[in-house]
N, C-alpha and C. Protein backbone atom coordinates (compact mmCIF):
# COMPACT_ATOMS: atom_id res chain seq x y z
N MET A 1 120.84 189.25 104.73
CA MET A 1 120.60 189.95 103.31
C MET A 1 121.27 188.55 102.65
N VAL A 2 120.96 187.17 101.70
CA VAL A 2 121.58 186.79 100.84
C VAL A 2 121.62 187.40 99.19
N ARG A 3 123.06 187.21 98.98
CA ARG A 3 123.51 187.23 97.63
C ARG A 3 122.10 186.87 96.52
N GLU A 4 122.19 187.39 95.43
CA GLU A 4 121.66 186.98 94.55
C GLU A 4 122.32 186.03 93.55
N LEU A 5 121.48 185.46 93.33
CA LEU A 5 121.96 184.33 92.40
C LEU A 5 122.17 184.79 90.82
N PRO A 6 122.79 184.30 90.20
CA PRO A 6 123.16 184.62 88.15
C PRO A 6 121.93 184.10 88.15
N PRO A 7 121.43 184.32 86.64
CA PRO A 7 120.38 183.64 86.04
C PRO A 7 121.11 182.16 86.24
N PHE A 8 120.39 180.94 85.43
CA PHE A 8 121.02 180.06 85.81
C PHE A 8 120.51 179.21 83.98
N ASP A 9 121.35 178.78 83.32
CA ASP A 9 121.23 178.57 81.91
C ASP A 9 120.59 177.12 81.89
N ILE A 10 119.59 176.68 82.16
CA ILE A 10 118.67 175.56 81.99
C ILE A 10 119.06 174.38 80.97
N GLU A 11 120.17 175.47 80.15
CA GLU A 11 120.44 174.12 79.08
C GLU A 11 121.85 173.32 79.50
N LYS A 12 122.20 174.06 80.73
CA LYS A 12 122.93 172.98 81.66
C LYS A 12 122.76 171.40 82.17
N ILE A 13 121.11 171.63 81.88
CA ILE A 13 121.17 170.38 82.92
C ILE A 13 119.94 169.41 81.92
N ALA A 14 119.62 170.56 80.66
CA ALA A 14 118.85 170.01 79.76
C ALA A 14 119.04 168.34 79.46
N ASN A 15 120.44 167.92 79.38
CA ASN A 15 120.39 166.85 78.95
C ASN A 15 120.26 165.32 80.07
N LEU A 16 120.00 166.01 81.24
CA LEU A 16 120.85 165.16 82.51
C LEU A 16 119.01 164.77 82.79
N ARG A 17 119.14 163.34 82.49
CA ARG A 17 117.86 162.98 83.04
C ARG A 17 116.88 163.20 84.51
N PRO A 18 115.63 163.21 84.68
CA PRO A 18 115.13 163.66 85.50
C PRO A 18 115.33 163.31 87.30
N TRP A 19 115.48 162.18 86.77
CA TRP A 19 116.14 161.40 88.18
C TRP A 19 117.39 161.48 88.53
N THR A 20 118.45 162.18 87.38
CA THR A 20 119.34 162.41 87.93
C THR A 20 119.87 163.25 89.67
N ILE A 21 120.63 162.51 90.26
CA ILE A 21 120.66 163.43 91.29
C ILE A 21 122.03 163.97 91.51
N LEU A 22 122.31 165.70 92.00
CA LEU A 22 123.09 166.09 91.60
C LEU A 22 123.47 166.69 93.28
N SER A 23 124.68 167.12 94.04
CA SER A 23 125.28 167.29 95.20
C SER A 23 124.93 168.59 95.37
N THR A 24 124.89 169.46 96.39
CA THR A 24 125.16 170.71 96.20
C THR A 24 126.74 171.24 95.30
N LYS A 25 127.39 170.78 95.49
CA LYS A 25 128.95 171.26 95.04
C LYS A 25 128.71 171.31 93.50
N ALA A 26 127.84 170.03 92.92
CA ALA A 26 128.05 169.40 91.68
C ALA A 26 126.83 170.67 91.17
N LEU A 27 126.09 171.17 91.51
CA LEU A 27 124.82 172.12 91.18
C LEU A 27 125.33 173.48 91.27
N ALA A 28 126.63 173.71 92.44
CA ALA A 28 126.98 174.98 92.05
C ALA A 28 128.19 175.10 91.22
N GLY A 29 128.46 174.03 90.65
CA GLY A 29 129.11 173.97 89.82
C GLY A 29 128.38 174.39 88.33
N LEU A 30 127.61 173.29 87.84
CA LEU A 30 127.21 174.06 86.81
C LEU A 30 126.51 175.47 86.81
N TRP A 31 126.34 175.99 87.84
CA TRP A 31 126.15 177.37 88.18
C TRP A 31 126.92 177.92 87.82
N SER A 32 127.84 177.47 88.22
CA SER A 32 129.13 178.64 88.17
C SER A 32 129.34 179.46 89.84
N VAL A 33 128.64 179.17 90.77
CA VAL A 33 128.80 179.90 91.79
C VAL A 33 129.32 179.51 93.20
N ASP A 34 129.60 179.64 94.71
CA ASP A 34 129.92 178.69 94.97
C ASP A 34 128.99 178.32 95.77
N PRO A 35 129.08 177.13 96.41
CA PRO A 35 128.25 176.39 96.87
C PRO A 35 127.73 176.64 98.35
N SER A 36 128.36 177.55 98.78
CA SER A 36 127.86 178.52 100.25
C SER A 36 126.89 179.27 99.67
N LEU A 37 126.42 179.81 98.41
CA LEU A 37 125.38 180.75 98.23
C LEU A 37 123.75 179.69 98.33
N LEU A 38 124.49 177.98 97.69
CA LEU A 38 123.47 177.49 97.59
C LEU A 38 123.00 177.14 99.39
N ILE A 39 123.70 176.26 99.95
CA ILE A 39 123.71 175.68 101.23
C ILE A 39 123.01 177.08 102.20
N VAL A 40 123.20 178.14 101.66
CA VAL A 40 122.78 179.47 102.90
C VAL A 40 120.78 179.09 102.20
N ARG A 41 120.68 179.35 101.24
CA ARG A 41 119.68 179.52 100.45
C ARG A 41 118.58 177.83 101.01
N LYS A 42 119.20 176.88 101.30
CA LYS A 42 119.03 175.83 101.84
C LYS A 42 118.17 176.23 103.31
N TYR A 43 119.00 176.43 103.93
CA TYR A 43 118.68 176.61 105.15
C TYR A 43 117.86 177.41 105.55
N ARG A 44 117.49 178.61 104.43
CA ARG A 44 116.87 179.52 104.75
C ARG A 44 115.00 179.64 103.99
N GLY A 45 115.31 177.65 103.58
CA GLY A 45 114.44 177.65 103.07
C GLY A 45 113.86 177.74 101.24
N VAL A 46 114.98 178.12 100.87
CA VAL A 46 114.85 178.84 99.35
C VAL A 46 115.41 178.25 98.52
N GLY A 47 114.78 177.19 97.82
CA GLY A 47 115.59 176.78 96.83
C GLY A 47 115.09 175.36 96.56
N PRO A 48 115.38 174.67 95.73
CA PRO A 48 115.08 173.53 95.30
C PRO A 48 114.79 172.02 96.64
N GLN A 49 114.01 171.41 96.72
CA GLN A 49 113.50 170.33 98.04
C GLN A 49 114.80 169.39 97.78
N PRO A 50 115.56 169.20 98.95
CA PRO A 50 116.83 168.20 99.08
C PRO A 50 116.52 167.45 99.09
N LEU A 51 117.05 166.09 98.88
CA LEU A 51 116.65 164.44 99.12
C LEU A 51 117.09 164.20 100.60
N PRO A 52 116.24 163.68 101.27
CA PRO A 52 116.34 163.07 102.69
C PRO A 52 117.89 163.06 103.12
N GLY A 53 118.23 163.60 103.89
CA GLY A 53 119.48 163.38 103.80
C GLY A 53 120.68 161.95 104.60
N GLU A 54 119.51 161.27 105.05
CA GLU A 54 120.15 160.03 105.63
C GLU A 54 120.05 158.61 103.97
N TRP A 55 119.50 159.58 103.11
CA TRP A 55 120.03 158.32 101.47
C TRP A 55 121.67 158.98 100.44
N VAL A 56 122.03 159.64 101.43
CA VAL A 56 123.32 160.06 100.88
C VAL A 56 124.83 159.72 102.06
N ARG A 57 126.24 159.61 101.87
CA ARG A 57 126.84 159.29 102.48
C ARG A 57 127.19 160.67 103.20
N GLY A 58 127.91 160.70 104.55
CA GLY A 58 128.62 162.15 104.96
C GLY A 58 127.36 163.21 104.68
N ASN A 59 128.42 164.39 104.80
CA ASN A 59 126.84 165.77 105.13
C ASN A 59 127.17 166.48 103.86
N VAL A 60 126.51 165.59 103.48
CA VAL A 60 126.26 166.10 101.44
C VAL A 60 124.67 166.38 101.20
N THR A 61 124.16 167.31 100.32
CA THR A 61 122.87 167.56 100.50
C THR A 61 122.94 167.29 98.72
N ALA A 62 121.84 166.63 98.81
CA ALA A 62 121.28 166.34 97.37
C ALA A 62 120.41 166.90 96.73
N TYR A 63 120.25 166.71 95.29
CA TYR A 63 118.88 167.24 94.79
C TYR A 63 118.50 166.45 93.67
N MET A 64 117.34 166.13 93.38
CA MET A 64 117.17 165.69 92.03
C MET A 64 116.73 166.77 91.10
N ILE A 65 117.19 166.20 89.95
CA ILE A 65 116.94 167.32 88.86
C ILE A 65 115.51 167.93 88.49
N SER A 66 114.71 167.16 88.71
CA SER A 66 113.34 167.22 88.60
C SER A 66 113.22 168.25 89.41
N ASP A 67 113.43 168.72 90.93
CA ASP A 67 113.62 169.52 91.87
C ASP A 67 113.67 170.92 91.31
N VAL A 68 115.01 170.65 91.08
CA VAL A 68 116.09 171.40 90.72
C VAL A 68 115.31 172.41 89.17
N ARG A 69 114.82 171.35 88.12
CA ARG A 69 113.89 172.29 87.60
C ARG A 69 112.81 173.10 87.88
N ARG A 70 112.16 172.23 88.56
CA ARG A 70 110.75 173.30 89.45
C ARG A 70 111.35 174.25 90.05
N TRP A 71 112.14 174.18 90.64
CA TRP A 71 112.96 175.44 91.33
C TRP A 71 113.22 176.81 90.58
N LEU A 72 113.32 176.08 89.29
CA LEU A 72 113.78 177.17 88.24
C LEU A 72 112.42 177.72 87.14
N GLY A 73 111.53 176.99 87.96
CA GLY A 73 110.42 177.68 87.05
C GLY A 73 109.34 176.45 85.65
N ASP A 74 110.15 175.19 86.00
CA ASP A 74 109.47 173.98 85.15
C ASP A 74 108.29 173.75 85.71
N ALA A 75 107.21 173.84 85.64
CA ALA A 75 105.79 173.68 85.83
C ALA A 75 105.24 171.82 85.91
N ARG A 76 106.16 171.06 84.91
CA ARG A 76 105.55 169.97 85.23
C ARG A 76 105.69 168.95 86.28
N THR A 77 105.31 168.02 86.40
CA THR A 77 105.45 166.62 87.73
C THR A 77 106.43 165.87 87.21
N ASP A 78 107.09 165.62 88.71
CA ASP A 78 107.73 164.30 88.25
C ASP A 78 107.38 163.85 86.68
N VAL A 79 106.33 162.92 87.24
CA VAL A 79 105.99 162.05 86.05
C VAL A 79 106.04 162.50 84.21
N GLU A 80 105.15 163.68 83.94
CA GLU A 80 105.54 164.18 82.75
C GLU A 80 106.64 164.89 82.43
N MET A 81 107.70 164.67 83.67
CA MET A 81 109.48 164.86 83.55
C MET A 81 110.25 163.74 82.77
N PHE A 82 109.37 162.53 83.70
CA PHE A 82 110.18 161.12 83.54
C PHE A 82 109.36 160.87 81.87
N ALA A 83 108.37 161.15 81.61
CA ALA A 83 107.52 160.23 80.43
C ALA A 83 108.83 161.43 78.92
N GLU A 84 108.93 162.49 79.16
CA GLU A 84 109.75 163.01 78.02
C GLU A 84 110.51 162.53 78.14
N ALA A 85 111.29 161.69 79.30
CA ALA A 85 113.13 161.29 79.31
C ALA A 85 112.96 160.06 78.25
N LEU A 86 111.44 159.66 78.89
CA LEU A 86 111.63 157.57 78.63
C LEU A 86 111.25 157.65 77.48
N ALA A 87 110.77 158.81 76.46
CA ALA A 87 109.83 159.10 75.20
C ALA A 87 110.00 158.17 74.33
N PRO A 88 111.60 157.89 74.08
CA PRO A 88 112.43 157.10 72.72
C PRO A 88 112.26 155.71 73.05
N ILE A 89 111.83 154.86 74.52
CA ILE A 89 111.56 153.34 74.57
C ILE A 89 110.40 153.65 75.44
N LEU A 90 109.13 154.26 75.52
CA LEU A 90 107.75 154.07 75.74
C LEU A 90 107.03 154.19 74.98
N THR A 91 105.99 153.62 74.68
CA THR A 91 104.93 154.18 73.35
C THR A 91 103.53 155.36 73.82
N ALA A 92 103.12 155.88 73.05
CA ALA A 92 102.34 156.91 73.43
C ALA A 92 101.42 156.34 75.16
N GLU A 93 101.28 155.29 74.53
CA GLU A 93 100.09 154.42 76.07
C GLU A 93 100.75 154.18 77.20
N GLU A 94 101.88 153.62 77.07
CA GLU A 94 102.93 153.65 78.15
C GLU A 94 103.08 155.19 78.64
N SER A 95 103.67 156.00 78.16
CA SER A 95 103.76 157.03 78.12
C SER A 95 102.37 158.34 79.11
N ALA A 96 101.47 157.75 78.58
CA ALA A 96 99.98 158.37 79.51
C ALA A 96 99.74 157.53 80.46
N CYS A 97 100.35 156.05 81.09
CA CYS A 97 100.26 155.43 82.25
C CYS A 97 101.25 155.94 83.13
N GLU A 98 100.92 156.81 84.55
CA GLU A 98 101.68 156.92 85.38
C GLU A 98 102.56 155.87 85.89
N SER A 99 101.82 154.72 86.36
CA SER A 99 102.59 153.57 86.97
C SER A 99 103.50 153.14 86.02
N THR A 100 103.47 152.38 84.40
CA THR A 100 104.54 152.13 83.87
C THR A 100 105.55 153.71 83.64
N VAL A 101 105.13 154.68 83.34
CA VAL A 101 106.45 155.42 83.58
C VAL A 101 107.12 156.06 84.68
N ARG A 102 106.37 155.47 86.24
CA ARG A 102 107.47 155.72 87.22
C ARG A 102 108.04 154.01 87.06
N LEU A 103 107.83 153.02 86.91
CA LEU A 103 108.54 151.51 86.59
C LEU A 103 109.84 151.60 85.75
N PHE A 104 109.15 152.48 84.47
CA PHE A 104 110.93 152.23 83.49
C PHE A 104 111.63 153.42 84.03
N ALA A 105 111.08 154.51 84.98
CA ALA A 105 111.99 155.32 85.30
C ALA A 105 113.12 155.14 86.81
N CYS A 106 112.25 153.87 87.41
CA CYS A 106 112.94 153.24 88.39
C CYS A 106 114.02 151.86 87.45
N SER A 107 113.58 151.79 86.70
CA SER A 107 114.69 150.87 85.98
C SER A 107 115.16 151.62 85.08
N GLU A 108 115.39 152.32 84.45
CA GLU A 108 116.66 153.47 84.51
C GLU A 108 117.47 153.96 85.04
N ALA A 109 116.92 154.51 86.44
CA ALA A 109 117.90 154.78 87.12
C ALA A 109 118.57 153.78 88.12
N SER A 110 117.96 152.69 88.56
CA SER A 110 118.64 151.51 88.83
C SER A 110 119.88 151.18 87.94
N SER A 111 119.84 151.60 87.16
CA SER A 111 120.44 150.83 85.72
C SER A 111 121.93 151.98 85.12
N THR A 112 121.56 152.97 85.88
CA THR A 112 122.55 154.01 85.19
C THR A 112 123.47 154.55 86.51
N ASP A 113 124.48 155.29 86.18
CA ASP A 113 125.23 155.54 87.12
C ASP A 113 124.22 157.62 87.62
N CYS A 114 123.39 157.45 88.72
CA CYS A 114 122.42 158.68 88.46
C CYS A 114 122.76 159.18 89.32
N ILE A 115 124.00 159.98 90.11
CA ILE A 115 123.85 160.58 91.09
C ILE A 115 125.19 161.11 90.53
N ILE A 116 125.39 162.64 91.16
CA ILE A 116 126.76 162.98 90.69
C ILE A 116 127.26 164.22 91.86
N GLY A 117 128.87 163.89 92.36
CA GLY A 117 129.20 164.57 93.56
C GLY A 117 128.57 163.90 94.76
N ALA A 118 128.16 162.71 94.67
CA ALA A 118 127.50 162.23 96.21
C ALA A 118 127.89 160.52 95.85
N ARG A 119 127.27 160.42 96.98
CA ARG A 119 127.06 158.61 97.12
C ARG A 119 126.04 158.05 97.98
N PHE A 120 125.15 156.99 97.50
CA PHE A 120 124.54 156.81 98.43
C PHE A 120 124.25 155.75 99.89
N SER A 121 123.59 155.81 100.57
CA SER A 121 124.28 155.32 101.49
C SER A 121 123.74 154.22 101.46
N ALA A 122 124.01 152.92 102.78
CA ALA A 122 123.65 151.33 102.46
C ALA A 122 122.65 151.23 102.40
N THR A 123 121.29 152.12 102.87
CA THR A 123 119.99 151.83 102.06
C THR A 123 119.24 153.15 101.42
N GLY A 124 120.36 154.23 100.94
CA GLY A 124 119.68 155.47 100.11
C GLY A 124 119.26 154.89 98.75
N LYS A 125 120.06 153.97 98.05
CA LYS A 125 119.32 154.15 96.63
C LYS A 125 117.92 153.03 96.67
N LYS A 126 118.25 152.61 97.48
CA LYS A 126 116.80 151.53 97.75
C LYS A 126 115.46 152.56 98.37
N GLN A 127 116.26 153.67 98.73
CA GLN A 127 114.89 154.34 99.03
C GLN A 127 114.90 155.27 97.70
N TYR A 128 115.58 155.80 97.23
CA TYR A 128 115.25 156.54 96.00
C TYR A 128 114.52 155.29 95.21
N LEU A 129 115.06 154.51 95.03
CA LEU A 129 114.31 154.34 94.18
C LEU A 129 112.77 153.88 94.55
N GLU A 130 112.60 153.42 95.43
CA GLU A 130 111.31 153.38 95.96
C GLU A 130 110.48 154.55 95.78
N TYR A 131 111.07 155.44 96.17
CA TYR A 131 110.39 156.99 95.84
C TYR A 131 110.01 157.00 94.08
N ILE A 132 111.31 157.13 93.58
CA ILE A 132 110.64 156.90 92.29
C ILE A 132 109.53 155.79 91.70
N ARG A 133 109.36 154.97 92.17
CA ARG A 133 108.69 154.03 91.94
C ARG A 133 107.02 153.96 92.30
N GLN A 134 107.08 154.77 93.77
CA GLN A 134 105.70 155.09 94.37
C GLN A 134 105.41 156.58 94.04
N GLN A 135 103.89 156.81 93.96
CA GLN A 135 103.82 158.19 94.23
C GLN A 135 104.05 158.79 96.09
N SER A 136 105.08 159.19 96.40
CA SER A 136 105.10 159.39 97.47
C SER A 136 106.03 160.87 97.64
N SER A 137 105.93 161.23 98.67
CA SER A 137 106.15 162.91 98.71
C SER A 137 107.66 162.68 99.75
N LEU A 138 108.42 163.33 99.67
CA LEU A 138 109.63 163.74 100.42
C LEU A 138 109.10 163.80 101.74
């Protein structure tokens, strides 16, 4: 039996951009739980979708904030979350165009420190940015 997780205060990630990446340890820190609780859930297939392991260095599991939000009950797509985060710099017309939203999100992710508690592998950031730019699944 897996121990229940305490309720998560969504406000703890409200200010993080949806393309931000958190390691298991960083997410557990925000949740105030032991990282092992999240690791057990990952291996049981319960929890947010992790990024491909080859995208990060070492034995680290990492999650995109948009996937964490969906796991916590947010029904919006990545593009909808990206558009909301980009609202200060996009026009209404640009926000309605998925390819434009993805392009701006990719640009923002490439120009800022978007990873917390982990480091990209040599090719990981390129693959991550391509994932944001394209409409593809993990």
